[in-house]
C-alpha atoms as a PDB file:
ATOM      1  CA  UNK A   1      -6.706  12.494 -15.861  1.00  0.00           C
ATOM      2  CA  UNK A   2      -3.235  14.038 -15.625  1.00  0.00           C
ATOM      3  CA  UNK A   3      -2.902  16.661 -12.902  1.00  0.00           C
ATOM      4  CA  UNK A   4      -0.472  19.561 -12.620  1.00  0.00           C
ATOM      5  CA  UNK A   5      -0.529  22.262  -9.960  1.00  0.00           C
ATOM      6  CA  UNK A   6       1.026  25.630 -10.922  1.00  0.00           C
ATOM      7  CA  UNK A   7       4.456  26.002  -9.340  1.00  0.00           C
ATOM      8  CA  UNK A   8       3.634  29.582  -8.328  1.00  0.00           C
ATOM      9  CA  UNK A   9       1.217  28.110  -5.792  1.00  0.00           C
ATOM     10  CA  UNK A  10       3.945  26.111  -4.032  1.00  0.00           C
ATOM     11  CA  UNK A  11       5.009  28.963  -1.687  1.00  0.00           C
ATOM     12  CA  UNK A  12       1.470  28.936  -0.285  1.00  0.00           C
ATOM     13  CA  UNK A  13       2.258  25.545   1.240  1.00  0.00           C
ATOM     14  CA  UNK A  14       5.220  27.059   3.054  1.00  0.00           C
ATOM     15  CA  UNK A  15       3.172  30.083   4.105  1.00  0.00           C
ATOM     16  CA  UNK A  16       0.567  27.722   5.591  1.00  0.00           C
ATOM     17  CA  UNK A  17       3.194  25.961   7.676  1.00  0.00           C
ATOM     18  CA  UNK A  18       3.725  22.730   5.757  1.00  0.00           C
ATOM     19  CA  UNK A  19       7.116  21.130   6.419  1.00  0.00           C
ATOM     20  CA  UNK A  20       6.683  17.913   4.405  1.00  0.00           C
ATOM     21  CA  UNK A  21       4.599  16.814   1.409  1.00  0.00           C
ATOM     22  CA  UNK A  22       3.832  13.233   0.450  1.00  0.00           C
ATOM     23  CA  UNK A  23       4.341  12.332  -3.215  1.00  0.00           C
ATOM     24  CA  UNK A  24       3.319   8.669  -2.950  1.00  0.00           C
ATOM     25  CA  UNK A  25       0.063   8.738  -4.876  1.00  0.00           C
ATOM     26  CA  UNK A  26      -1.560   7.735  -8.154  1.00  0.00           C
ATOM     27  CA  UNK A  27      -0.846  11.034  -9.921  1.00  0.00           C
ATOM     28  CA  UNK A  28       2.740  11.611  -8.789  1.00  0.00           C
ATOM     29  CA  UNK A  29       4.114  10.316 -12.090  1.00  0.00           C
ATOM     30  CA  UNK A  30       1.536  11.746 -14.505  1.00  0.00           C
ATOM     31  CA  UNK A  31       4.178  13.750 -16.389  1.00  0.00           C
ATOM     32  CA  UNK A  32       7.046  11.297 -15.984  1.00  0.00           C
ATOM     33  CA  UNK A  33      10.109  10.977 -13.804  1.00  0.00           C
ATOM     34  CA  UNK A  34      11.699  14.297 -14.785  1.00  0.00           C
ATOM     35  CA  UNK A  35       8.576  16.227 -13.832  1.00  0.00           C
ATOM     36  CA  UNK A  36       8.320  14.422 -10.508  1.00  0.00           C
ATOM     37  CA  UNK A  37      11.955  15.231  -9.738  1.00  0.00           C
ATOM     38  CA  UNK A  38      11.257  18.869 -10.656  1.00  0.00           C
ATOM     39  CA  UNK A  39       8.378  18.836  -8.156  1.00  0.00           C
ATOM     40  CA  UNK A  40      10.688  17.485  -5.456  1.00  0.00           C
ATOM     41  CA  UNK A  41      13.289  20.168  -6.243  1.00  0.00           C
ATOM     42  CA  UNK A  42      10.674  22.950  -6.126  1.00  0.00           C
ATOM     43  CA  UNK A  43       9.542  21.786  -2.684  1.00  0.00           C
ATOM     44  CA  UNK A  44      13.092  21.486  -1.328  1.00  0.00           C
ATOM     45  CA  UNK A  45      13.892  25.044  -2.451  1.00  0.00           C
ATOM     46  CA  UNK A  46      11.038  26.148  -0.175  1.00  0.00           C
ATOM     47  CA  UNK A  47      12.344  24.114   2.767  1.00  0.00           C
ATOM     48  CA  UNK A  48       9.588  21.501   2.410  1.00  0.00           C
ATOM     49  CA  UNK A  49      10.632  17.848   2.517  1.00  0.00           C
ATOM     50  CA  UNK A  50       9.124  15.585  -0.142  1.00  0.00           C
ATOM     51  CA  UNK A  51       8.656  11.965   0.811  1.00  0.00           C
ATOM     52  CA  UNK A  52       7.037   8.863  -0.650  1.00  0.00           C
ATOM     53  CA  UNK A  53       9.166   8.101  -3.740  1.00  0.00           C
ATOM     54  CA  UNK A  54      11.572   5.200  -3.330  1.00  0.00           C
ATOM     55  CA  UNK A  55      14.417   6.010  -0.913  1.00  0.00           C
ATOM     56  CA  UNK A  56      12.689   9.251   0.123  1.00  0.00           C
ATOM     57  CA  UNK A  57      11.531   9.646   3.735  1.00  0.00           C
ATOM     58  CA  UNK A  58      11.074  12.778   5.829  1.00  0.00           C
ATOM     59  CA  UNK A  59      12.870  13.165   9.148  1.00  0.00           C
ATOM     60  CA  UNK A  60      11.630  16.233  11.034  1.00  0.00           C
ATOM     61  CA  UNK A  61      13.019  17.514  14.360  1.00  0.00           C
ATOM     62  CA  UNK A  62      10.273  18.664  16.751  1.00  0.00           C
ATOM     63  CA  UNK A  63      10.677  20.272  20.183  1.00  0.00           C
ATOM     64  CA  UNK A  64       8.701  18.137  22.626  1.00  0.00           C
ATOM     65  CA  UNK A  65       8.981  17.380  26.354  1.00  0.00           C
ATOM     66  CA  UNK A  66      11.920  19.812  26.742  1.00  0.00           C
ATOM     67  CA  UNK A  67      13.994  18.113  24.080  1.00  0.00           C
ATOM     68  CA  UNK A  68      14.174  17.593  20.349  1.00  0.00           C
ATOM     69  CA  UNK A  69      12.447  14.476  19.106  1.00  0.00           C
ATOM     70  CA  UNK A  70      12.802  13.163  15.560  1.00  0.00           C
ATOM     71  CA  UNK A  71       9.587  12.392  13.706  1.00  0.00           C
ATOM     72  CA  UNK A  72       9.761  10.089  10.696  1.00  0.00           C
ATOM     73  CA  UNK A  73       7.278  10.197   7.817  1.00  0.00           C
ATOM     74  CA  UNK A  74       7.135   7.448   5.205  1.00  0.00           C
ATOM     75  CA  UNK A  75       4.521   7.277   2.457  1.00  0.00           C
ATOM     76  CA  UNK A  76       3.132   4.257   0.622  1.00  0.00           C
ATOM     77  CA  UNK A  77       0.918   3.813  -2.416  1.00  0.00           C
ATOM     78  CA  UNK A  78       0.265   1.103  -5.023  1.00  0.00           C
ATOM     79  CA  UNK A  79       2.786   2.055  -7.714  1.00  0.00           C
ATOM     80  CA  UNK A  80       6.370   1.074  -8.502  1.00  0.00           C
ATOM     81  CA  UNK A  81       7.690   4.665  -8.357  1.00  0.00           C
ATOM     82  CA  UNK A  82       7.014   4.771  -4.590  1.00  0.00           C
ATOM     83  CA  UNK A  83       7.021   2.539  -1.546  1.00  0.00           C
ATOM     84  CA  UNK A  84       4.356  -0.005  -2.432  1.00  0.00           C
ATOM     85  CA  UNK A  85       1.695  -1.087   0.063  1.00  0.00           C
ATOM     86  CA  UNK A  86       0.713  -4.077  -2.084  1.00  0.00           C
ATOM     87  CA  UNK A  87       3.973  -5.808  -1.103  1.00  0.00           C
ATOM     88  CA  UNK A  88       3.463  -6.233   2.633  1.00  0.00           C
ATOM     89  CA  UNK A  89       6.748  -7.993   3.400  1.00  0.00           C
ATOM     90  CA  UNK A  90       8.768  -5.253   1.671  1.00  0.00           C
ATOM     91  CA  UNK A  91       6.703  -2.559   3.380  1.00  0.00           C
ATOM     92  CA  UNK A  92       7.441  -4.179   6.734  1.00  0.00           C
ATOM     93  CA  UNK A  93      11.173  -4.136   5.976  1.00  0.00           C
ATOM     94  CA  UNK A  94      11.041  -0.416   5.098  1.00  0.00           C
ATOM     95  CA  UNK A  95       9.246   0.435   8.344  1.00  0.00           C
ATOM     96  CA  UNK A  96      11.590  -1.806  10.342  1.00  0.00           C
ATOM     97  CA  UNK A  97      14.599   0.028   8.908  1.00  0.00           C
ATOM     98  CA  UNK A  98      13.303   3.512   9.782  1.00  0.00           C
ATOM     99  CA  UNK A  99      11.945   2.746  13.253  1.00  0.00           C
ATOM    100  CA  UNK A 100      15.350   2.738  15.072  1.00  0.00           C
ATOM    101  CA  UNK A 101      16.220   6.150  13.615  1.00  0.00           C
ATOM    102  CA  UNK A 102      13.269   8.123  15.017  1.00  0.00           C
ATOM    103  CA  UNK A 103      11.366   8.802  18.226  1.00  0.00           C
ATOM    104  CA  UNK A 104       7.987   8.750  16.485  1.00  0.00           C
ATOM    105  CA  UNK A 105       7.037   7.223  13.154  1.00  0.00           C
ATOM    106  CA  UNK A 106       3.978   8.162  11.101  1.00  0.00           C
ATOM    107  CA  UNK A 107       3.119   6.042   8.061  1.00  0.00           C
ATOM    108  CA  UNK A 108       0.869   7.496   5.378  1.00  0.00           C
ATOM    109  CA  UNK A 109      -0.780   5.679   2.503  1.00  0.00           C
ATOM    110  CA  UNK A 110      -2.663   6.510  -0.677  1.00  0.00           C
ATOM    111  CA  UNK A 111      -4.967   3.640  -1.570  1.00  0.00           C
ATOM    112  CA  UNK A 112      -8.474   2.263  -1.652  1.00  0.00           C
ATOM    113  CA  UNK A 113     -11.401   2.776  -3.987  1.00  0.00           C
ATOM    114  CA  UNK A 114     -12.583   6.315  -4.731  1.00  0.00           C
ATOM    115  CA  UNK A 115     -15.798   8.293  -4.736  1.00  0.00           C
ATOM    116  CA  UNK A 116     -18.875   9.184  -2.742  1.00  0.00           C
ATOM    117  CA  UNK A 117     -19.661   5.506  -2.110  1.00  0.00           C
ATOM    118  CA  UNK A 118     -16.180   4.800  -0.649  1.00  0.00           C
ATOM    119  CA  UNK A 119     -16.820   6.059   2.898  1.00  0.00           C
ATOM    120  CA  UNK A 120     -16.879   2.511   4.302  1.00  0.00           C
ATOM    121  CA  UNK A 121     -13.575   0.712   4.929  1.00  0.00           C
ATOM    122  CA  UNK A 122     -14.129  -2.806   3.572  1.00  0.00           C
ATOM    123  CA  UNK A 123     -12.630  -6.068   4.709  1.00  0.00           C
ATOM    124  CA  UNK A 124     -10.090  -7.424   2.237  1.00  0.00           C
ATOM    125  CA  UNK A 125      -8.515  -5.975  -0.916  1.00  0.00           C
ATOM    126  CA  UNK A 126      -9.937  -2.946  -2.714  1.00  0.00           C
ATOM    127  CA  UNK A 127      -9.926  -2.200  -6.431  1.00  0.00           C
ATOM    128  CA  UNK A 128     -10.549   0.827  -8.627  1.00  0.00           C
ATOM    129  CA  UNK A 129     -11.658  -0.450 -11.993  1.00  0.00           C
ATOM    130  CA  UNK A 130      -9.132  -3.243 -12.613  1.00  0.00           C
ATOM    131  CA  UNK A 131      -6.455  -1.624 -10.499  1.00  0.00           C
ATOM    132  CA  UNK A 132      -5.447  -3.160  -7.172  1.00  0.00           C
ATOM    133  CA  UNK A 133      -5.659  -0.502  -4.452  1.00  0.00           C
ATOM    134  CA  UNK A 134      -4.645  -2.514  -1.402  1.00  0.00           C
ATOM    135  CA  UNK A 135      -5.972  -4.375   1.615  1.00  0.00           C
ATOM    136  CA  UNK A 136      -5.803  -1.291   3.785  1.00  0.00           C
ATOM    137  CA  UNK A 137      -6.842  -2.811   7.098  1.00  0.00           C
ATOM    138  CA  UNK A 138      -4.144  -5.447   6.768  1.00  0.00           C
ATOM    139  CA  UNK A 139      -1.502  -2.967   5.593  1.00  0.00           C
ATOM    140  CA  UNK A 140      -2.214  -0.511   8.431  1.00  0.00           C
ATOM    141  CA  UNK A 141      -1.958  -3.209  11.070  1.00  0.00           C
ATOM    142  CA  UNK A 142       1.281  -4.564   9.578  1.00  0.00           C
ATOM    143  CA  UNK A 143       2.662  -1.008   9.689  1.00  0.00           C
ATOM    144  CA  UNK A 144       1.866  -0.738  13.407  1.00  0.00           C
ATOM    145  CA  UNK A 145       3.188  -4.234  14.108  1.00  0.00           C
ATOM    146  CA  UNK A 146       6.522  -3.110  12.657  1.00  0.00           C
ATOM    147  CA  UNK A 147       6.794   0.184  14.498  1.00  0.00           C
ATOM    148  CA  UNK A 148       4.416   2.845  13.184  1.00  0.00           C
ATOM    149  CA  UNK A 149       2.977   5.064  15.933  1.00  0.00           C
ATOM    150  CA  UNK A 150       0.154   6.280  13.683  1.00  0.00           C
ATOM    151  CA  UNK A 151      -1.140   5.483  10.198  1.00  0.00           C
ATOM    152  CA  UNK A 152      -2.818   8.188   8.126  1.00  0.00           C
ATOM    153  CA  UNK A 153      -4.628   7.379   4.881  1.00  0.00           C
ATOM    154  CA  UNK A 154      -5.858   9.295   1.870  1.00  0.00           C
ATOM    155  CA  UNK A 155      -6.918   8.395  -1.640  1.00  0.00           C
ATOM    156  CA  UNK A 156     -10.665   7.632  -1.496  1.00  0.00           C
ATOM    157  CA  UNK A 157     -11.463  11.411  -1.656  1.00  0.00           C
ATOM    158  CA  UNK A 158     -13.870  10.989   1.273  1.00  0.00           C
ATOM    159  CA  UNK A 159     -13.604  10.666   5.038  1.00  0.00           C
ATOM    160  CA  UNK A 160     -13.366   7.156   6.452  1.00  0.00           C
ATOM    161  CA  UNK A 161     -13.509   5.757   9.967  1.00  0.00           C
ATOM    162  CA  UNK A 162     -10.837   5.713  12.665  1.00  0.00           C
ATOM    163  CA  UNK A 163      -9.528   2.541  14.273  1.00  0.00           C
ATOM    164  CA  UNK A 164      -7.244   1.962  17.254  1.00  0.00           C
ATOM    165  CA  UNK A 165      -4.962  -1.069  16.967  1.00  0.00           C
ATOM    166  CA  UNK A 166      -2.563  -1.936  19.784  1.00  0.00           C
ATOM    167  CA  UNK A 167      -3.181   1.554  21.172  1.00  0.00           C
ATOM    168  CA  UNK A 168      -2.131   3.232  17.912  1.00  0.00           C
ATOM    169  CA  UNK A 169      -4.551   5.244  15.734  1.00  0.00           C
ATOM    170  CA  UNK A 170      -5.349   4.479  12.107  1.00  0.00           C
ATOM    171  CA  UNK A 171      -7.099   7.203  10.126  1.00  0.00           C
ATOM    172  CA  UNK A 172      -8.270   5.374   7.006  1.00  0.00           C
ATOM    173  CA  UNK A 173      -8.924   8.493   4.918  1.00  0.00           C
ATOM    174  CA  UNK A 174      -8.888  12.232   5.563  1.00  0.00           C
ATOM    175  CA  UNK A 175     -10.756  13.111   2.361  1.00  0.00           C
ATOM    176  CA  UNK A 176     -10.135  16.075   0.049  1.00  0.00           C
ATOM    177  CA  UNK A 177      -8.561  19.197   1.491  1.00  0.00           C
ATOM    178  CA  UNK A 178      -7.001  21.537  -1.054  1.00  0.00           C
ATOM    179  CA  UNK A 179      -7.822  20.997  -4.726  1.00  0.00           C
ATOM    180  CA  UNK A 180      -6.925  22.782  -7.936  1.00  0.00           C
ATOM    181  CA  UNK A 181      -9.860  22.457 -10.345  1.00  0.00           C
ATOM    182  CA  UNK A 182     -11.409  19.345 -11.819  1.00  0.00           C
ATOM    183  CA  UNK A 183     -12.574  17.663  -8.599  1.00  0.00           C
ATOM    184  CA  UNK A 184     -16.092  16.609  -7.709  1.00  0.00           C
ATOM    185  CA  UNK A 185     -16.848  18.089  -4.280  1.00  0.00           C
ATOM    186  CA  UNK A 186     -20.518  17.198  -4.030  1.00  0.00           C
ATOM    187  CA  UNK A 187     -21.962  15.515  -0.923  1.00  0.00           C
ATOM    188  CA  UNK A 188     -19.416  13.582   1.170  1.00  0.00           C
ATOM    189  CA  UNK A 189     -16.654  14.503  -1.296  1.00  0.00           C
ATOM    190  CA  UNK A 190     -16.703  18.060   0.077  1.00  0.00           C
ATOM    191  CA  UNK A 191     -16.674  17.063   3.747  1.00  0.00           C
ATOM    192  CA  UNK A 192     -13.187  17.038   5.205  1.00  0.00           C
ATOM    193  CA  UNK A 193     -10.960  17.727   8.190  1.00  0.00           C
ATOM    194  CA  UNK A 194      -7.406  18.703   9.142  1.00  0.00           C
ATOM    195  CA  UNK A 195      -5.959  16.147  11.517  1.00  0.00           C
ATOM    196  CA  UNK A 196      -3.990  17.463  14.484  1.00  0.00           C
ATOM    197  CA  UNK A 197      -2.213  14.482  16.012  1.00  0.00           C
ATOM    198  CA  UNK A 198      -0.647  14.803  19.461  1.00  0.00           C
ATOM    199  CA  UNK A 199       2.148  12.309  20.173  1.00  0.00           C
ATOM    200  CA  UNK A 200       4.381  12.063  23.217  1.00  0.00           C
ATOM    201  CA  UNK A 201       8.158  12.183  23.069  1.00  0.00           C
ATOM    202  CA  UNK A 202       8.184   8.405  22.716  1.00  0.00           C
ATOM    203  CA  UNK A 203       5.542   8.375  19.987  1.00  0.00           C
ATOM    204  CA  UNK A 204       2.637   7.257  22.181  1.00  0.00           C
ATOM    205  CA  UNK A 205      -0.808   8.584  21.334  1.00  0.00           C
ATOM    206  CA  UNK A 206      -1.947  11.475  23.534  1.00  0.00           C
ATOM    207  CA  UNK A 207      -4.882  12.812  21.546  1.00  0.00           C
ATOM    208  CA  UNK A 208      -6.158  14.163  18.253  1.00  0.00           C
ATOM    209  CA  UNK A 209      -8.410  16.877  16.892  1.00  0.00           C
ATOM    210  CA  UNK A 210     -10.441  16.585  13.687  1.00  0.00           C
ATOM    211  CA  UNK A 211     -12.468  19.776  13.149  1.00  0.00           C
ATOM    212  CA  UNK A 212     -15.469  19.767  10.809  1.00  0.00           C
ATOM    213  CA  UNK A 213     -14.461  21.429   7.530  1.00  0.00           C
ATOM    214  CA  UNK A 214     -16.064  21.744   4.114  1.00  0.00           C
ATOM    215  CA  UNK A 215     -14.770  22.494   0.637  1.00  0.00           C
ATOM    216  CA  UNK A 216     -17.183  23.835  -1.968  1.00  0.00           C
ATOM    217  CA  UNK A 217     -16.413  24.135  -5.692  1.00  0.00           C
ATOM    218  CA  UNK A 218     -14.324  27.213  -6.401  1.00  0.00           C
ATOM    219  CA  UNK A 219     -13.872  28.020  -2.723  1.00  0.00           C
ATOM    220  CA  UNK A 220     -11.163  27.320  -0.155  1.00  0.00           C
ATOM    221  CA  UNK A 221     -11.682  24.786   2.587  1.00  0.00           C
ATOM    222  CA  UNK A 222     -13.264  26.362   5.655  1.00  0.00           C
ATOM    223  CA  UNK A 223     -15.144  25.616   8.893  1.00  0.00           C
ATOM    224  CA  UNK A 224     -18.504  23.884   8.648  1.00  0.00           C
ATOM    225  CA  UNK A 225     -20.876  24.997  11.398  1.00  0.00           C
ATOM    226  CA  UNK A 226     -23.210  22.084  10.645  1.00  0.00           C
ATOM    227  CA  UNK A 227     -20.595  19.577  11.821  1.00  0.00           C
ATOM    228  CA  UNK A 228     -21.452  17.247   8.935  1.00  0.00           C
ATOM    229  CA  UNK A 229     -17.900  15.905   8.636  1.00  0.00           C
ATOM    230  CA  UNK A 230     -17.810  14.842  12.289  1.00  0.00           C
ATOM    231  CA  UNK A 231     -21.243  13.230  11.995  1.00  0.00           C
ATOM    232  CA  UNK A 232     -19.961  11.243   8.999  1.00  0.00           C
ATOM    233  CA  UNK A 233     -16.766  10.247  10.820  1.00  0.00           C
ATOM    234  CA  UNK A 234     -18.705   9.037  13.852  1.00  0.00           C
ATOM    235  CA  UNK A 235     -21.194   7.071  11.757  1.00  0.00           C
ATOM    236  CA  UNK A 236     -18.641   5.180   9.649  1.00  0.00           C
ATOM    237  CA  UNK A 237     -16.363   4.593  12.642  1.00  0.00           C
ATOM    238  CA  UNK A 238     -19.236   2.978  14.565  1.00  0.00           C
ATOM    239  CA  UNK A 239     -20.145   0.839  11.561  1.00  0.00           C
ATOM    240  CA  UNK A 240     -16.653  -0.307  10.596  1.00  0.00           C
ATOM    241  CA  UNK A 241     -14.785  -0.331  13.929  1.00  0.00           C
ATOM    242  CA  UNK A 242     -17.417  -0.773  16.663  1.00  0.00           C
END
């Protein structure tokens, strides 16, 4: 698979309120370096910060507690074109270097196996075919040990459980959300959410909302009155992080 989203859709991200987009993932380099740089340029023209590729982080000022706080976003995946979560010592150094610059630091990652049977967060390394996709529990905890206030994962295309480590939340996968053709959205693959994370001015966790959403083939993501996504989240969280 090689994925390309039409550039005329990019302004919809701005219209929806996005201020940063993570490009650390397994399809970010499908069309080569020049195409990835063109993607970054298209986002910047819209006032959206790309982050994830090497030496690219997002620093976003947010008004909170009667002052501006600076929120840092750094993205990791399992490829050499981006910050690599397979190299834990290097990842720790990256997080260490950003932590003093910001009031709150959110680390995102794209990793793990994929598909309807990937809703559980396993112990130890994960693979997709012959490809190493990371020991995500270990990576997430290293990220928090070195200064992350929250860790947010994606990549498995399904929802995964939520863990709290040292008082910091780890969302192991938020599932699919906005796709452009060619994606299987059957069963758990269509169940999703939009995480609203509430952090204090010092980055401490105050709360989070994860509404039940669903995406059906050929339709936009919307509310799911059945609450199936929340039922799935609760079940796998109890199983994996009791």
